[in-house]
Protein backbone atom coordinates (compact mmCIF):
# COMPACT_ATOMS: atom_id res chain seq x y z
CA MET A 1 -11.11 -53.98 19.87
CA SER A 2 -7.66 -55.64 20.04
CA LYS A 3 -4.69 -53.84 21.58
CA LEU A 4 -3.09 -53.57 18.13
CA THR A 5 -6.22 -52.10 16.56
CA ARG A 6 -6.63 -49.66 19.46
CA ARG A 7 -2.99 -48.61 19.16
CA VAL A 8 -3.35 -48.02 15.41
CA ALA A 9 -6.51 -45.96 16.03
CA ILE A 10 -4.74 -43.81 18.64
CA PHE A 11 -1.79 -43.16 16.33
CA ALA A 12 -4.16 -42.30 13.50
CA ALA A 13 -6.06 -39.85 15.72
CA LEU A 14 -2.83 -38.22 16.88
CA ALA A 15 -1.64 -37.92 13.29
CA LEU A 16 -4.96 -36.32 12.31
CA VAL A 17 -4.71 -33.78 15.16
CA ALA A 18 -1.11 -32.95 14.27
CA SER A 19 -2.02 -32.56 10.62
CA ALA A 20 -4.92 -30.24 11.49
CA ALA A 21 -2.72 -28.18 13.80
CA GLY A 22 -0.07 -27.92 11.09
CA ALA A 23 -2.65 -26.84 8.55
CA ALA A 24 -4.05 -24.24 10.95
CA ALA A 25 -0.56 -22.91 11.62
CA ALA A 26 0.12 -22.76 7.90
CA VAL A 27 -3.11 -20.84 7.29
CA ALA A 28 -2.38 -18.49 10.17
CA GLY A 29 1.13 -17.97 8.85
CA SER A 30 -0.11 -17.31 5.34
CA ASP A 31 -2.76 -14.90 6.64
CA HIS A 32 -0.09 -13.05 8.60
CA PHE A 33 2.19 -12.94 5.58
CA ALA A 34 -0.54 -11.83 3.21
CA TYR A 35 -1.94 -9.12 5.44
CA HIS A 36 1.15 -7.68 7.06
CA LYS A 37 4.04 -8.41 4.73
CA VAL A 38 2.47 -7.95 1.32
CA ARG A 39 0.35 -4.98 2.35
CA ALA A 40 3.39 -3.28 3.82
CA GLY A 41 5.01 -3.82 0.43
CA LEU A 42 8.46 -2.57 1.48
CA PRO A 43 11.53 -4.21 3.00
CA ALA A 44 11.93 -3.79 6.75
CA GLY A 45 14.53 -1.37 8.03
CA LEU A 46 14.52 1.11 5.15
CA PRO A 47 15.83 4.60 5.93
CA LYS A 48 12.97 7.02 6.53
CA LEU A 49 11.89 9.90 4.34
CA SER A 50 10.02 12.79 5.95
CA VAL A 51 6.65 13.22 4.19
CA THR A 52 4.53 16.30 4.90
CA SER A 53 1.60 18.16 3.36
CA THR A 54 0.26 21.69 3.56
CA ASP A 55 -3.19 20.24 2.76
CA LEU A 56 -3.30 17.30 5.18
CA THR A 57 -2.55 16.78 8.85
CA ALA A 58 -1.27 13.38 9.92
CA HIS A 59 -3.95 11.22 11.57
CA ARG A 60 -6.59 13.89 11.03
CA PRO A 61 -9.60 13.98 8.62
CA ILE A 62 -8.92 14.70 4.96
CA PRO A 63 -10.66 17.92 3.81
CA GLN A 64 -13.62 17.43 1.48
CA GLN A 65 -11.98 18.95 -1.60
CA PHE A 66 -9.66 15.95 -1.72
CA TRP A 67 -12.52 13.40 -1.54
CA GLY A 68 -13.72 11.43 -4.54
CA CYS A 69 -17.43 10.76 -3.98
CA THR A 70 -18.83 13.10 -6.65
CA SER A 71 -15.69 13.47 -8.79
CA ALA A 72 -12.12 12.21 -8.68
CA GLY A 73 -11.22 15.08 -6.39
CA ILE A 74 -7.83 16.78 -6.41
CA SER A 75 -4.62 15.38 -5.04
CA PRO A 76 -3.17 17.03 -1.92
CA GLU A 77 0.15 18.85 -1.81
CA LEU A 78 3.02 16.57 -0.80
CA SER A 79 6.60 17.33 0.15
CA TRP A 80 9.40 14.99 1.16
CA SER A 81 13.02 15.13 2.27
CA GLY A 82 15.84 12.91 3.45
CA ALA A 83 16.37 10.83 0.30
CA PRO A 84 19.71 9.05 -0.12
CA ALA A 85 22.17 10.52 -2.62
CA ALA A 86 21.77 7.43 -4.82
CA THR A 87 18.06 8.14 -5.42
CA ARG A 88 17.21 8.13 -9.14
CA SER A 89 13.42 8.48 -8.99
CA TYR A 90 10.40 8.36 -6.69
CA ALA A 91 7.08 6.57 -6.48
CA VAL A 92 3.99 7.91 -4.68
CA LEU A 93 1.24 5.52 -3.56
CA MET A 94 -2.02 6.17 -1.73
CA PHE A 95 -3.72 3.10 -0.25
CA ASP A 96 -6.77 2.50 1.96
CA PRO A 97 -6.30 -0.77 3.90
CA ASP A 98 -9.72 -0.33 5.53
CA ALA A 99 -11.76 -0.47 2.30
CA PRO A 100 -14.31 -3.32 2.50
CA THR A 101 -12.91 -5.12 -0.54
CA GLY A 102 -10.84 -7.82 1.15
CA SER A 103 -7.68 -6.33 -0.35
CA GLY A 104 -7.90 -2.61 0.36
CA PHE A 105 -8.20 0.10 -2.30
CA TRP A 106 -5.49 1.90 -4.26
CA HIS A 107 -6.40 5.57 -4.73
CA TRP A 108 -3.25 6.79 -6.44
CA VAL A 109 -0.07 5.31 -7.78
CA ALA A 110 2.58 7.31 -9.62
CA TRP A 111 6.17 6.44 -10.40
CA ASP A 112 9.27 7.42 -12.41
CA ILE A 113 9.03 10.82 -10.71
CA PRO A 114 12.43 12.45 -11.37
CA ALA A 115 15.01 12.40 -8.58
CA GLY A 116 15.18 16.21 -8.47
CA THR A 117 11.53 16.40 -7.41
CA THR A 118 10.90 16.94 -3.69
CA SER A 119 7.25 18.02 -3.78
CA LEU A 120 4.02 17.83 -5.76
CA PRO A 121 1.58 20.77 -5.71
CA THR A 122 -2.12 20.55 -4.92
CA GLY A 123 -3.93 19.01 -7.90
CA ALA A 124 -0.59 17.88 -9.24
CA GLU A 125 0.32 17.42 -12.84
CA LEU A 126 3.32 15.15 -12.58
CA PRO A 127 6.74 16.19 -13.87
CA ALA A 128 7.71 15.16 -17.41
CA GLY A 129 8.70 11.50 -17.61
CA SER A 130 6.54 10.46 -14.67
CA VAL A 131 3.85 7.80 -14.95
CA ASN A 132 0.38 8.23 -13.46
CA GLY A 133 -0.97 4.72 -12.99
CA GLU A 134 -4.45 3.23 -12.96
CA ASN A 135 -6.18 3.28 -9.57
CA ASP A 136 -8.71 0.74 -8.26
CA ALA A 137 -11.58 2.88 -9.56
CA GLY A 138 -10.31 2.09 -13.06
CA THR A 139 -9.20 5.66 -13.83
CA ILE A 140 -5.73 7.08 -14.37
CA GLY A 141 -4.21 9.20 -11.64
CA TYR A 142 -5.68 10.27 -8.33
CA THR A 143 -9.14 9.39 -7.05
CA GLY A 144 -10.04 10.68 -3.62
CA PRO A 145 -11.48 8.95 -0.56
CA CYS A 146 -15.14 7.98 -0.41
CA PRO A 147 -15.59 5.53 2.46
CA PRO A 148 -19.01 3.85 2.69
CA PRO A 149 -21.38 5.55 5.16
CA GLY A 150 -21.24 3.92 8.58
CA ASP A 151 -18.04 1.98 7.77
CA GLY A 152 -16.00 3.69 10.45
CA THR A 153 -12.71 5.50 10.11
CA HIS A 154 -10.56 4.70 7.07
CA HIS A 155 -6.82 5.34 7.18
CA TYR A 156 -5.29 6.58 3.94
CA GLN A 157 -1.61 5.71 3.66
CA ILE A 158 0.32 8.07 1.39
CA THR A 159 3.76 6.60 0.83
CA VAL A 160 6.72 8.16 -0.96
CA ILE A 161 9.48 5.74 -2.01
CA ALA A 162 12.99 6.75 -3.07
CA LEU A 163 14.12 4.36 -5.81
CA SER A 164 17.50 3.17 -7.04
CA VAL A 165 16.37 3.17 -10.68
CA ALA A 166 15.29 6.00 -12.99
CA THR A 167 12.34 3.98 -14.27
CA LEU A 168 10.40 0.97 -13.09
CA GLY A 169 9.73 0.07 -16.72
CA LEU A 170 6.02 -0.42 -16.11
CA ASP A 171 3.00 0.52 -18.19
CA ALA A 172 0.39 2.89 -16.74
CA THR A 173 -2.16 0.05 -16.59
CA THR A 174 0.06 -2.08 -14.34
CA HIS A 175 -1.91 -2.99 -11.20
CA PRO A 176 -0.83 -0.87 -8.21
CA ALA A 177 0.04 -3.97 -6.16
CA VAL A 178 2.56 -4.93 -8.85
CA VAL A 179 3.93 -1.39 -8.91
CA GLY A 180 4.35 -1.58 -5.15
CA PHE A 181 6.09 -4.95 -5.45
CA VAL A 182 8.56 -3.71 -8.08
CA ALA A 183 9.12 -0.46 -6.19
CA GLY A 184 9.84 -2.45 -3.03
CA HIS A 185 12.59 -4.35 -4.83
CA ASN A 186 14.23 -1.05 -5.82
CA ALA A 187 13.55 0.98 -2.66
CA LEU A 188 16.31 2.96 -0.97
CA ALA A 189 14.13 4.80 1.55
CA ALA A 190 10.46 5.48 2.20
CA GLY A 191 8.19 7.68 4.26
CA GLN A 192 4.48 7.78 4.93
CA LEU A 193 1.75 10.23 5.89
CA VAL A 194 -1.52 8.72 7.13
CA ALA A 195 -4.74 10.76 7.15
CA THR A 196 -8.32 9.68 7.74
CA ALA A 197 -11.85 9.90 6.36
CA GLU A 198 -15.25 8.76 7.64
CA GLN A 199 -18.88 9.37 6.76
């Protein structure tokens, strides 16, 4: 092999390695973005709402009456406080990032909840004007946890978002990920309660 041919081969190999490294970095970056940024769904640095429940304890198991294995179950009581004065409505989302679907599982998504609302009772019927969206089970409204047996602990993220608009202008069949995206663009503050389930 001539010196010129050898030199060309070395440069080609280096270019191939650099290209592969760049591609790997791009994939890693996109994985990071997809998992952490999109799943978070909200801008960083938002003011915090306090979200509590008389039915759930943070980081503790969700009682069986709120599960959805044999029926949709009933939604837990939720209360929140600390919303900015400019709040014009709220959205409530319940998401399981641990569901073995590759993209998590949306259990509940509701929006256009009037600004004067600071709680939802157990088994809530939403206030007039609110929208109960379609969950990932294909039903409208709340569907409770039902993690697969032996799948370990699932963490159910219940997020309340204070919004700068009175309505998101979305139909009830809008996919929850899109609702979360639009809500994120209109978010003034947000808070979260995380509870668990395992069987």
